Amino acid sequence: VVKCTVSQPKEKVVVIGGGSGTLGLIQALRELKYPGAIT
C-alpha cells in the first residue's frame, strides 16, 4: 500500500469491526487503487 490520497471523496467504504476481515479488506482496497474514502 503506497501513500494514498482520496481522489473520489463521494465514494466511501465504511467497515464495522476491527479484525482480520477488516485487515484483508482495507489493504486490498488500497492495493487495487480504490479511489474513495475508507472508514
Full PDB file with SEQRES, HELIX, SHEET, SSBOND, CRYST1, ORIGX, SCALE, CONECT and MASTER records, all heavy atoms in Angstrom:
SEQRES   1 A   39  VAL VAL LYS CYS THR VAL SER GLN PRO LYS GLU LYS VAL          
SEQRES   2 A   39  VAL VAL ILE GLY GLY GLY SER GLY THR LEU GLY LEU ILE          
SEQRES   3 A   39  GLN ALA LEU ARG GLU LEU LYS TYR PRO GLY ALA ILE THR          
HELIX    1 AA1 SER A   20  GLU A   31  1                                  12    
SHEET    1 AA1 2 LYS A  12  VAL A  13  0                                        
SHEET    2 AA1 2 ALA A  37  ILE A  38  1                                        
CRYST1    1.000    1.000    1.000  90.00  90.00  90.00 P 1           1          
ORIGX1      1.000000  0.000000  0.000000        0.00000                         
ORIGX2      0.000000  1.000000  0.000000        0.00000                         
ORIGX3      0.000000  0.000000  1.000000        0.00000                         
SCALE1      1.000000  0.000000  0.000000        0.00000                         
SCALE2      0.000000  1.000000  0.000000        0.00000                         
SCALE3      0.000000  0.000000  1.000000        0.00000                         
ATOM      1  N   VAL A   1       0.848  -1.192   0.000  1.00  0.00           N  
ATOM      2  CA  VAL A   1       0.000   0.000   0.000  1.00  0.00           C  
ATOM      3  C   VAL A   1       0.883   1.241   0.000  1.00  0.00           C  
ATOM      4  O   VAL A   1       1.573   1.523   0.970  1.00  0.00           O  
ATOM      5  CB  VAL A   1      -0.930   0.011   1.224  1.00  0.00           C  
ATOM      6  CG1 VAL A   1      -1.780   1.274   1.222  1.00  0.00           C  
ATOM      7  CG2 VAL A   1      -1.816  -1.222   1.219  1.00  0.00           C  
ATOM      8  N   VAL A   2       0.880   1.945  -1.097  1.00  0.00           N  
ATOM      9  CA  VAL A   2       1.678   3.171  -1.183  1.00  0.00           C  
ATOM     10  C   VAL A   2       0.874   4.323  -0.605  1.00  0.00           C  
ATOM     11  O   VAL A   2      -0.326   4.217  -0.366  1.00  0.00           O  
ATOM     12  CB  VAL A   2       2.066   3.480  -2.641  1.00  0.00           C  
ATOM     13  CG1 VAL A   2       2.961   2.390  -3.192  1.00  0.00           C  
ATOM     14  CG2 VAL A   2       0.821   3.640  -3.513  1.00  0.00           C  
ATOM     15  N   LYS A   3       1.561   5.432  -0.370  1.00  0.00           N  
ATOM     16  CA  LYS A   3       0.889   6.608   0.167  1.00  0.00           C  
ATOM     17  C   LYS A   3      -0.272   6.989  -0.742  1.00  0.00           C  
ATOM     18  O   LYS A   3      -0.137   7.054  -1.963  1.00  0.00           O  
ATOM     19  CB  LYS A   3       1.883   7.761   0.283  1.00  0.00           C  
ATOM     20  CG  LYS A   3       1.363   8.934   1.085  1.00  0.00           C  
ATOM     21  CD  LYS A   3       2.479   9.936   1.359  1.00  0.00           C  
ATOM     22  CE  LYS A   3       1.965  11.070   2.236  1.00  0.00           C  
ATOM     23  NZ  LYS A   3       3.061  12.025   2.555  1.00  0.00           N  
ATOM     24  N   CYS A   4      -1.422   7.235  -0.139  1.00  0.00           N  
ATOM     25  CA  CYS A   4      -2.654   7.362  -0.922  1.00  0.00           C  
ATOM     26  C   CYS A   4      -3.361   8.674  -0.607  1.00  0.00           C  
ATOM     27  O   CYS A   4      -3.355   9.149   0.533  1.00  0.00           O  
ATOM     28  CB  CYS A   4      -3.575   6.186  -0.596  1.00  0.00           C  
ATOM     29  SG  CYS A   4      -5.219   6.317  -1.312  1.00  0.00           S  
ATOM     30  N   THR A   5      -3.965   9.264  -1.615  1.00  0.00           N  
ATOM     31  CA  THR A   5      -4.885  10.383  -1.426  1.00  0.00           C  
ATOM     32  C   THR A   5      -6.223   9.994  -2.038  1.00  0.00           C  
ATOM     33  O   THR A   5      -6.283   9.231  -3.010  1.00  0.00           O  
ATOM     34  CB  THR A   5      -4.369  11.667  -2.104  1.00  0.00           C  
ATOM     35  OG1 THR A   5      -4.138  11.401  -3.493  1.00  0.00           O  
ATOM     36  CG2 THR A   5      -3.078  12.139  -1.448  1.00  0.00           C  
ATOM     37  N   VAL A   6      -7.294  10.493  -1.461  1.00  0.00           N  
ATOM     38  CA  VAL A   6      -8.644  10.165  -1.925  1.00  0.00           C  
ATOM     39  C   VAL A   6      -8.995  11.051  -3.107  1.00  0.00           C  
ATOM     40  O   VAL A   6      -9.084  12.274  -2.971  1.00  0.00           O  
ATOM     41  CB  VAL A   6      -9.671  10.332  -0.780  1.00  0.00           C  
ATOM     42  CG1 VAL A   6     -11.085  10.104  -1.305  1.00  0.00           C  
ATOM     43  CG2 VAL A   6      -9.354   9.380   0.358  1.00  0.00           C  
ATOM     44  N   SER A   7      -9.192  10.450  -4.283  1.00  0.00           N  
ATOM     45  CA  SER A   7      -9.494  11.211  -5.491  1.00  0.00           C  
ATOM     46  C   SER A   7     -10.988  11.304  -5.774  1.00  0.00           C  
ATOM     47  O   SER A   7     -11.412  12.164  -6.537  1.00  0.00           O  
ATOM     48  CB  SER A   7      -8.775  10.590  -6.696  1.00  0.00           C  
ATOM     49  OG  SER A   7      -9.190   9.244  -6.887  1.00  0.00           O  
ATOM     50  N   GLN A   8     -11.765  10.419  -5.178  1.00  0.00           N  
ATOM     51  CA  GLN A   8     -13.226  10.450  -5.341  1.00  0.00           C  
ATOM     52  C   GLN A   8     -13.893  10.417  -3.967  1.00  0.00           C  
ATOM     53  O   GLN A   8     -14.358   9.376  -3.512  1.00  0.00           O  
ATOM     54  CB  GLN A   8     -13.690   9.262  -6.188  1.00  0.00           C  
ATOM     55  CG  GLN A   8     -13.201   9.296  -7.625  1.00  0.00           C  
ATOM     56  CD  GLN A   8     -13.776   8.157  -8.454  1.00  0.00           C  
ATOM     57  OE1 GLN A   8     -14.876   7.663  -8.197  1.00  0.00           O  
ATOM     58  NE2 GLN A   8     -13.037   7.737  -9.474  1.00  0.00           N  
ATOM     59  N   PRO A   9     -13.934  11.556  -3.274  1.00  0.00           N  
ATOM     60  CA  PRO A   9     -14.453  11.580  -1.895  1.00  0.00           C  
ATOM     61  C   PRO A   9     -15.922  11.189  -1.771  1.00  0.00           C  
ATOM     62  O   PRO A   9     -16.373  10.820  -0.678  1.00  0.00           O  
ATOM     63  CB  PRO A   9     -14.229  13.037  -1.463  1.00  0.00           C  
ATOM     64  CG  PRO A   9     -14.098  13.810  -2.744  1.00  0.00           C  
ATOM     65  CD  PRO A   9     -13.469  12.878  -3.719  1.00  0.00           C  
ATOM     66  N   LYS A  10     -16.673  11.239  -2.875  1.00  0.00           N  
ATOM     67  CA  LYS A  10     -18.076  10.817  -2.794  1.00  0.00           C  
ATOM     68  C   LYS A  10     -18.211   9.305  -2.636  1.00  0.00           C  
ATOM     69  O   LYS A  10     -19.244   8.807  -2.212  1.00  0.00           O  
ATOM     70  CB  LYS A  10     -18.839  11.289  -4.030  1.00  0.00           C  
ATOM     71  CG  LYS A  10     -19.040  12.798  -4.084  1.00  0.00           C  
ATOM     72  CD  LYS A  10     -19.887  13.204  -5.275  1.00  0.00           C  
ATOM     73  CE  LYS A  10     -20.113  14.713  -5.296  1.00  0.00           C  
ATOM     74  NZ  LYS A  10     -20.950  15.132  -6.458  1.00  0.00           N  
ATOM     75  N   GLU A  11     -17.147   8.580  -3.016  1.00  0.00           N  
ATOM     76  CA  GLU A  11     -17.109   7.136  -2.802  1.00  0.00           C  
ATOM     77  C   GLU A  11     -16.563   6.874  -1.403  1.00  0.00           C  
ATOM     78  O   GLU A  11     -15.489   7.361  -1.052  1.00  0.00           O  
ATOM     79  CB  GLU A  11     -16.222   6.447  -3.831  1.00  0.00           C  
ATOM     80  CG  GLU A  11     -16.830   6.331  -5.202  1.00  0.00           C  
ATOM     81  CD  GLU A  11     -17.969   5.319  -5.241  1.00  0.00           C  
ATOM     82  OE1 GLU A  11     -17.959   4.377  -4.429  1.00  0.00           O  
ATOM     83  OE2 GLU A  11     -18.858   5.488  -6.085  1.00  0.00           O  
ATOM     84  N   LYS A  12     -17.301   6.106  -0.605  1.00  0.00           N  
ATOM     85  CA  LYS A  12     -16.852   5.888   0.770  1.00  0.00           C  
ATOM     86  C   LYS A  12     -17.220   4.485   1.233  1.00  0.00           C  
ATOM     87  O   LYS A  12     -18.393   4.126   1.281  1.00  0.00           O  
ATOM     88  CB  LYS A  12     -17.464   6.915   1.716  1.00  0.00           C  
ATOM     89  CG  LYS A  12     -16.976   6.786   3.159  1.00  0.00           C  
ATOM     90  CD  LYS A  12     -17.556   7.873   4.041  1.00  0.00           C  
ATOM     91  CE  LYS A  12     -17.005   7.788   5.459  1.00  0.00           C  
ATOM     92  NZ  LYS A  12     -17.544   8.863   6.327  1.00  0.00           N  
ATOM     93  N   VAL A  13     -16.194   3.705   1.575  1.00  0.00           N  
ATOM     94  CA  VAL A  13     -16.395   2.401   2.197  1.00  0.00           C  
ATOM     95  C   VAL A  13     -16.303   2.576   3.705  1.00  0.00           C  
ATOM     96  O   VAL A  13     -15.323   3.130   4.219  1.00  0.00           O  
ATOM     97  CB  VAL A  13     -15.330   1.384   1.735  1.00  0.00           C  
ATOM     98  CG1 VAL A  13     -15.409   0.105   2.584  1.00  0.00           C  
ATOM     99  CG2 VAL A  13     -15.519   1.040   0.268  1.00  0.00           C  
ATOM    100  N   VAL A  14     -17.326   2.110   4.393  1.00  0.00           N  
ATOM    101  CA  VAL A  14     -17.296   2.066   5.857  1.00  0.00           C  
ATOM    102  C   VAL A  14     -17.320   0.609   6.276  1.00  0.00           C  
ATOM    103  O   VAL A  14     -18.130  -0.181   5.769  1.00  0.00           O  
ATOM    104  CB  VAL A  14     -18.478   2.824   6.485  1.00  0.00           C  
ATOM    105  CG1 VAL A  14     -18.455   2.680   8.001  1.00  0.00           C  
ATOM    106  CG2 VAL A  14     -18.422   4.301   6.101  1.00  0.00           C  
ATOM    107  N   VAL A  15     -16.426   0.233   7.165  1.00  0.00           N  
ATOM    108  CA  VAL A  15     -16.374  -1.148   7.649  1.00  0.00           C  
ATOM    109  C   VAL A  15     -16.619  -1.146   9.154  1.00  0.00           C  
ATOM    110  O   VAL A  15     -16.023  -0.354   9.890  1.00  0.00           O  
ATOM    111  CB  VAL A  15     -15.037  -1.838   7.285  1.00  0.00           C  
ATOM    112  CG1 VAL A  15     -13.858  -1.018   7.713  1.00  0.00           C  
ATOM    113  CG2 VAL A  15     -14.959  -3.227   7.893  1.00  0.00           C  
ATOM    114  N   ILE A  16     -17.532  -2.001   9.596  1.00  0.00           N  
ATOM    115  CA  ILE A  16     -17.861  -2.131  11.015  1.00  0.00           C  
ATOM    116  C   ILE A  16     -17.087  -3.312  11.577  1.00  0.00           C  
ATOM    117  O   ILE A  16     -17.337  -4.462  11.213  1.00  0.00           O  
ATOM    118  CB  ILE A  16     -19.375  -2.340  11.208  1.00  0.00           C  
ATOM    119  CG1 ILE A  16     -20.158  -1.144  10.657  1.00  0.00           C  
ATOM    120  CG2 ILE A  16     -19.707  -2.553  12.692  1.00  0.00           C  
ATOM    121  CD1 ILE A  16     -21.668  -1.348  10.658  1.00  0.00           C  
ATOM    122  N   GLY A  17     -16.123  -3.032  12.445  1.00  0.00           N  
ATOM    123  CA  GLY A  17     -15.308  -4.089  13.032  1.00  0.00           C  
ATOM    124  C   GLY A  17     -13.839  -3.862  12.757  1.00  0.00           C  
ATOM    125  O   GLY A  17     -13.473  -3.247  11.745  1.00  0.00           O  
ATOM    126  N   GLY A  18     -12.997  -4.373  13.643  1.00  0.00           N  
ATOM    127  CA  GLY A  18     -11.567  -4.148  13.512  1.00  0.00           C  
ATOM    128  C   GLY A  18     -10.755  -5.413  13.626  1.00  0.00           C  
ATOM    129  O   GLY A  18      -9.762  -5.453  14.347  1.00  0.00           O  
ATOM    130  N   GLY A  19     -11.149  -6.463  12.894  1.00  0.00           N  
ATOM    131  CA  GLY A  19     -10.451  -7.734  12.973  1.00  0.00           C  
ATOM    132  C   GLY A  19      -9.782  -8.121  11.674  1.00  0.00           C  
ATOM    133  O   GLY A  19      -9.442  -7.277  10.830  1.00  0.00           O  
ATOM    134  N   SER A  20      -9.612  -9.433  11.492  1.00  0.00           N  
ATOM    135  CA  SER A  20      -8.882  -9.950  10.338  1.00  0.00           C  
ATOM    136  C   SER A  20      -9.575  -9.621   9.018  1.00  0.00           C  
ATOM    137  O   SER A  20      -8.920  -9.302   8.030  1.00  0.00           O  
ATOM    138  CB  SER A  20      -8.728 -11.472  10.467  1.00  0.00           C  
ATOM    139  OG  SER A  20      -8.058 -12.013   9.361  1.00  0.00           O  
ATOM    140  N   GLY A  21     -10.900  -9.715   8.980  1.00  0.00           N  
ATOM    141  CA  GLY A  21     -11.622  -9.391   7.757  1.00  0.00           C  
ATOM    142  C   GLY A  21     -11.401  -7.955   7.337  1.00  0.00           C  
ATOM    143  O   GLY A  21     -11.245  -7.649   6.146  1.00  0.00           O  
ATOM    144  N   THR A  22     -11.369  -7.065   8.316  1.00  0.00           N  
ATOM    145  CA  THR A  22     -11.123  -5.654   8.035  1.00  0.00           C  
ATOM    146  C   THR A  22      -9.714  -5.440   7.498  1.00  0.00           C  
ATOM    147  O   THR A  22      -9.504  -4.668   6.561  1.00  0.00           O  
ATOM    148  CB  THR A  22     -11.348  -4.817   9.305  1.00  0.00           C  
ATOM    149  OG1 THR A  22     -12.703  -4.972   9.727  1.00  0.00           O  
ATOM    150  CG2 THR A  22     -11.077  -3.344   9.045  1.00  0.00           C  
ATOM    151  N   LEU A  23      -8.732  -6.134   8.083  1.00  0.00           N  
ATOM    152  CA  LEU A  23      -7.362  -6.022   7.594  1.00  0.00           C  
ATOM    153  C   LEU A  23      -7.271  -6.423   6.125  1.00  0.00           C  
ATOM    154  O   LEU A  23      -6.679  -5.706   5.303  1.00  0.00           O  
ATOM    155  CB  LEU A  23      -6.436  -6.904   8.435  1.00  0.00           C  
ATOM    156  CG  LEU A  23      -4.967  -6.939   7.988  1.00  0.00           C  
ATOM    157  CD1 LEU A  23      -4.318  -5.576   8.163  1.00  0.00           C  
ATOM    158  CD2 LEU A  23      -4.196  -8.004   8.769  1.00  0.00           C  
ATOM    159  N   GLY A  24      -7.847  -7.573   5.765  1.00  0.00           N  
ATOM    160  CA  GLY A  24      -7.827  -8.007   4.378  1.00  0.00           C  
ATOM    161  C   GLY A  24      -8.524  -7.028   3.461  1.00  0.00           C  
ATOM    162  O   GLY A  24      -8.047  -6.735   2.353  1.00  0.00           O  
ATOM    163  N   LEU A  25      -9.646  -6.484   3.913  1.00  0.00           N  
ATOM    164  CA  LEU A  25     -10.432  -5.557   3.107  1.00  0.00           C  
ATOM    165  C   LEU A  25      -9.676  -4.271   2.813  1.00  0.00           C  
ATOM    166  O   LEU A  25      -9.507  -3.877   1.656  1.00  0.00           O  
ATOM    167  CB  LEU A  25     -11.734  -5.225   3.836  1.00  0.00           C  
ATOM    168  CG  LEU A  25     -12.570  -4.135   3.168  1.00  0.00           C  
ATOM    169  CD1 LEU A  25     -13.449  -4.736   2.094  1.00  0.00           C  
ATOM    170  CD2 LEU A  25     -13.403  -3.374   4.183  1.00  0.00           C  
ATOM    171  N   ILE A  26      -9.214  -3.593   3.870  1.00  0.00           N  
ATOM    172  CA  ILE A  26      -8.639  -2.257   3.667  1.00  0.00           C  
ATOM    173  C   ILE A  26      -7.332  -2.330   2.897  1.00  0.00           C  
ATOM    174  O   ILE A  26      -7.047  -1.464   2.055  1.00  0.00           O  
ATOM    175  CB  ILE A  26      -8.446  -1.513   5.004  1.00  0.00           C  
ATOM    176  CG1 ILE A  26      -7.501  -2.272   5.936  1.00  0.00           C  
ATOM    177  CG2 ILE A  26      -9.797  -1.256   5.666  1.00  0.00           C  
ATOM    178  CD1 ILE A  26      -7.172  -1.518   7.220  1.00  0.00           C  
ATOM    179  N   GLN A  27      -6.542  -3.361   3.161  1.00  0.00           N  
ATOM    180  CA  GLN A  27      -5.285  -3.465   2.426  1.00  0.00           C  
ATOM    181  C   GLN A  27      -5.543  -3.738   0.949  1.00  0.00           C  
ATOM    182  O   GLN A  27      -4.928  -3.121   0.075  1.00  0.00           O  
ATOM    183  CB  GLN A  27      -4.401  -4.561   3.009  1.00  0.00           C  
ATOM    184  CG  GLN A  27      -3.089  -4.713   2.252  1.00  0.00           C  
ATOM    185  CD  GLN A  27      -2.014  -5.392   3.070  1.00  0.00           C  
ATOM    186  OE1 GLN A  27      -1.651  -4.935   4.141  1.00  0.00           O  
ATOM    187  NE2 GLN A  27      -1.507  -6.495   2.553  1.00  0.00           N  
ATOM    188  N   ALA A  28      -6.461  -4.655   0.656  1.00  0.00           N  
ATOM    189  CA  ALA A  28      -6.752  -4.970  -0.746  1.00  0.00           C  
ATOM    190  C   ALA A  28      -7.386  -3.792  -1.472  1.00  0.00           C  
ATOM    191  O   ALA A  28      -7.116  -3.563  -2.654  1.00  0.00           O  
ATOM    192  CB  ALA A  28      -7.653  -6.198  -0.828  1.00  0.00           C  
ATOM    193  N   LEU A  29      -8.230  -3.027  -0.786  1.00  0.00           N  
ATOM    194  CA  LEU A  29      -8.819  -1.846  -1.420  1.00  0.00           C  
ATOM    195  C   LEU A  29      -7.735  -0.887  -1.902  1.00  0.00           C  
ATOM    196  O   LEU A  29      -7.780  -0.376  -3.026  1.00  0.00           O  
ATOM    197  CB  LEU A  29      -9.749  -1.119  -0.442  1.00  0.00           C  
ATOM    198  CG  LEU A  29     -11.129  -1.730  -0.219  1.00  0.00           C  
ATOM    199  CD1 LEU A  29     -11.851  -1.003   0.911  1.00  0.00           C  
ATOM    200  CD2 LEU A  29     -11.978  -1.701  -1.494  1.00  0.00           C  
ATOM    201  N   ARG A  30      -6.738  -0.657  -1.069  1.00  0.00           N  
ATOM    202  CA  ARG A  30      -5.677   0.269  -1.467  1.00  0.00           C  
ATOM    203  C   ARG A  30      -4.723  -0.366  -2.478  1.00  0.00           C  
ATOM    204  O   ARG A  30      -4.222   0.308  -3.382  1.00  0.00           O  
ATOM    205  CB  ARG A  30      -4.918   0.761  -0.234  1.00  0.00           C  
ATOM    206  CG  ARG A  30      -5.719   1.733   0.652  1.00  0.00           C  
ATOM    207  CD  ARG A  30      -6.295   2.863  -0.158  1.00  0.00           C  
ATOM    208  NE  ARG A  30      -6.906   3.908   0.665  1.00  0.00           N  
ATOM    209  CZ  ARG A  30      -7.986   4.581   0.317  1.00  0.00           C  
ATOM    210  NH1 ARG A  30      -8.593   4.303  -0.858  1.00  0.00           N  
ATOM    211  NH2 ARG A  30      -8.475   5.524   1.087  1.00  0.00           N  
ATOM    212  N   GLU A  31      -4.480  -1.676  -2.374  1.00  0.00           N  
ATOM    213  CA  GLU A  31      -3.677  -2.356  -3.390  1.00  0.00           C  
ATOM    214  C   GLU A  31      -4.311  -2.206  -4.767  1.00  0.00           C  
ATOM    215  O   GLU A  31      -3.624  -2.024  -5.782  1.00  0.00           O  
ATOM    216  CB  GLU A  31      -3.566  -3.852  -3.070  1.00  0.00           C  
ATOM    217  CG  GLU A  31      -2.675  -4.203  -1.893  1.00  0.00           C  
ATOM    218  CD  GLU A  31      -2.790  -5.678  -1.545  1.00  0.00           C  
ATOM    219  OE1 GLU A  31      -3.297  -6.459  -2.378  1.00  0.00           O  
ATOM    220  OE2 GLU A  31      -2.389  -6.053  -0.442  1.00  0.00           O  
ATOM    221  N   LEU A  32      -5.652  -2.284  -4.802  1.00  0.00           N  
ATOM    222  CA  LEU A  32      -6.392  -2.238  -6.058  1.00  0.00           C  
ATOM    223  C   LEU A  32      -6.749  -0.812  -6.481  1.00  0.00           C  
ATOM    224  O   LEU A  32      -7.528  -0.611  -7.409  1.00  0.00           O  
ATOM    225  CB  LEU A  32      -7.671  -3.078  -5.926  1.00  0.00           C  
ATOM    226  CG  LEU A  32      -7.442  -4.576  -5.693  1.00  0.00           C  
ATOM    227  CD1 LEU A  32      -8.752  -5.276  -5.320  1.00  0.00           C  
ATOM    228  CD2 LEU A  32      -6.820  -5.233  -6.912  1.00  0.00           C  
ATOM    229  N   LYS A  33      -6.181   0.169  -5.787  1.00  0.00           N  
ATOM    230  CA  LYS A  33      -6.330   1.586  -6.134  1.00  0.00           C  
ATOM    231  C   LYS A  33      -7.764   2.090  -5.971  1.00  0.00           C  
ATOM    232  O   LYS A  33      -8.233   2.932  -6.760  1.00  0.00           O  
ATOM    233  CB  LYS A  33      -5.844   1.858  -7.567  1.00  0.00           C  
ATOM    234  CG  LYS A  33      -4.484   1.266  -7.910  1.00  0.00           C  
ATOM    235  CD  LYS A  33      -3.376   1.786  -7.021  1.00  0.00           C  
ATOM    236  CE  LYS A  33      -2.014   1.229  -7.429  1.00  0.00           C  
ATOM    237  NZ  LYS A  33      -0.937   1.592  -6.467  1.00  0.00           N  
ATOM    238  N   TYR A  34      -8.465   1.608  -4.967  1.00  0.00           N  
ATOM    239  CA  TYR A  34      -9.791   2.159  -4.696  1.00  0.00           C  
ATOM    240  C   TYR A  34      -9.650   3.656  -4.448  1.00  0.00           C  
ATOM    241  O   TYR A  34      -8.862   4.091  -3.603  1.00  0.00           O  
ATOM    242  CB  TYR A  34     -10.399   1.468  -3.475  1.00  0.00           C  
ATOM    243  CG  TYR A  34     -11.711   2.071  -3.027  1.00  0.00           C  
ATOM    244  CD1 TYR A  34     -12.858   1.943  -3.802  1.00  0.00           C  
ATOM    245  CD2 TYR A  34     -11.792   2.801  -1.837  1.00  0.00           C  
ATOM    246  CE1 TYR A  34     -14.058   2.514  -3.406  1.00  0.00           C  
ATOM    247  CE2 TYR A  34     -12.994   3.362  -1.423  1.00  0.00           C  
ATOM    248  CZ  TYR A  34     -14.123   3.224  -2.213  1.00  0.00           C  
ATOM    249  OH  TYR A  34     -15.307   3.788  -1.806  1.00  0.00           O  
ATOM    250  N   PRO A  35     -10.423   4.498  -5.177  1.00  0.00           N  
ATOM    251  CA  PRO A  35     -10.197   5.948  -5.125  1.00  0.00           C  
ATOM    252  C   PRO A  35     -10.948   6.679  -4.021  1.00  0.00           C  
ATOM    253  O   PRO A  35     -10.770   7.881  -3.849  1.00  0.00           O  
ATOM    254  CB  PRO A  35     -10.699   6.404  -6.501  1.00  0.00           C  
ATOM    255  CG  PRO A  35     -11.829   5.451  -6.788  1.00  0.00           C  
ATOM    256  CD  PRO A  35     -11.395   4.119  -6.215  1.00  0.00           C  
ATOM    257  N   GLY A  36     -11.809   5.961  -3.295  1.00  0.00           N  
ATOM    258  CA  GLY A  36     -12.666   6.625  -2.319  1.00  0.00           C  
ATOM    259  C   GLY A  36     -12.107   6.630  -0.912  1.00  0.00           C  
ATOM    260  O   GLY A  36     -11.004   6.154  -0.639  1.00  0.00           O  
ATOM    261  N   ALA A  37     -12.898   7.177  -0.009  1.00  0.00           N  
ATOM    262  CA  ALA A  37     -12.535   7.226   1.406  1.00  0.00           C  
ATOM    263  C   ALA A  37     -12.813   5.871   2.056  1.00  0.00           C  
ATOM    264  O   ALA A  37     -13.666   5.105   1.601  1.00  0.00           O  
ATOM    265  CB  ALA A  37     -13.336   8.320   2.099  1.00  0.00           C  
ATOM    266  N   ILE A  38     -12.086   5.583   3.126  1.00  0.00           N  
ATOM    267  CA  ILE A  38     -12.284   4.353   3.894  1.00  0.00           C  
ATOM    268  C   ILE A  38     -12.345   4.727   5.368  1.00  0.00           C  
ATOM    269  O   ILE A  38     -11.470   5.435   5.873  1.00  0.00           O  
ATOM    270  CB  ILE A  38     -11.149   3.341   3.675  1.00  0.00           C  
ATOM    271  CG1 ILE A  38     -11.022   2.961   2.202  1.00  0.00           C  
ATOM    272  CG2 ILE A  38     -11.372   2.086   4.521  1.00  0.00           C  
ATOM    273  CD1 ILE A  38      -9.816   2.073   1.894  1.00  0.00           C  
ATOM    274  N   THR A  39     -13.370   4.233   6.053  1.00  0.00           N  
ATOM    275  CA  THR A  39     -13.531   4.476   7.491  1.00  0.00           C  
ATOM    276  C   THR A  39     -13.768   3.164   8.206  1.00  0.00           C  
ATOM    277  O   THR A  39     -14.598   2.354   7.775  1.00  0.00           O  
ATOM    278  CB  THR A  39     -14.707   5.432   7.770  1.00  0.00           C  
ATOM    279  OG1 THR A  39     -14.438   6.699   7.192  1.00  0.00           O  
ATOM    280  CG2 THR A  39     -14.920   5.619   9.271  1.00  0.00           C  
TER     281      THR A  39                                                      
MASTER        0    0    0    1    2    0    0    6  280    1    0    3          
END                                                                             
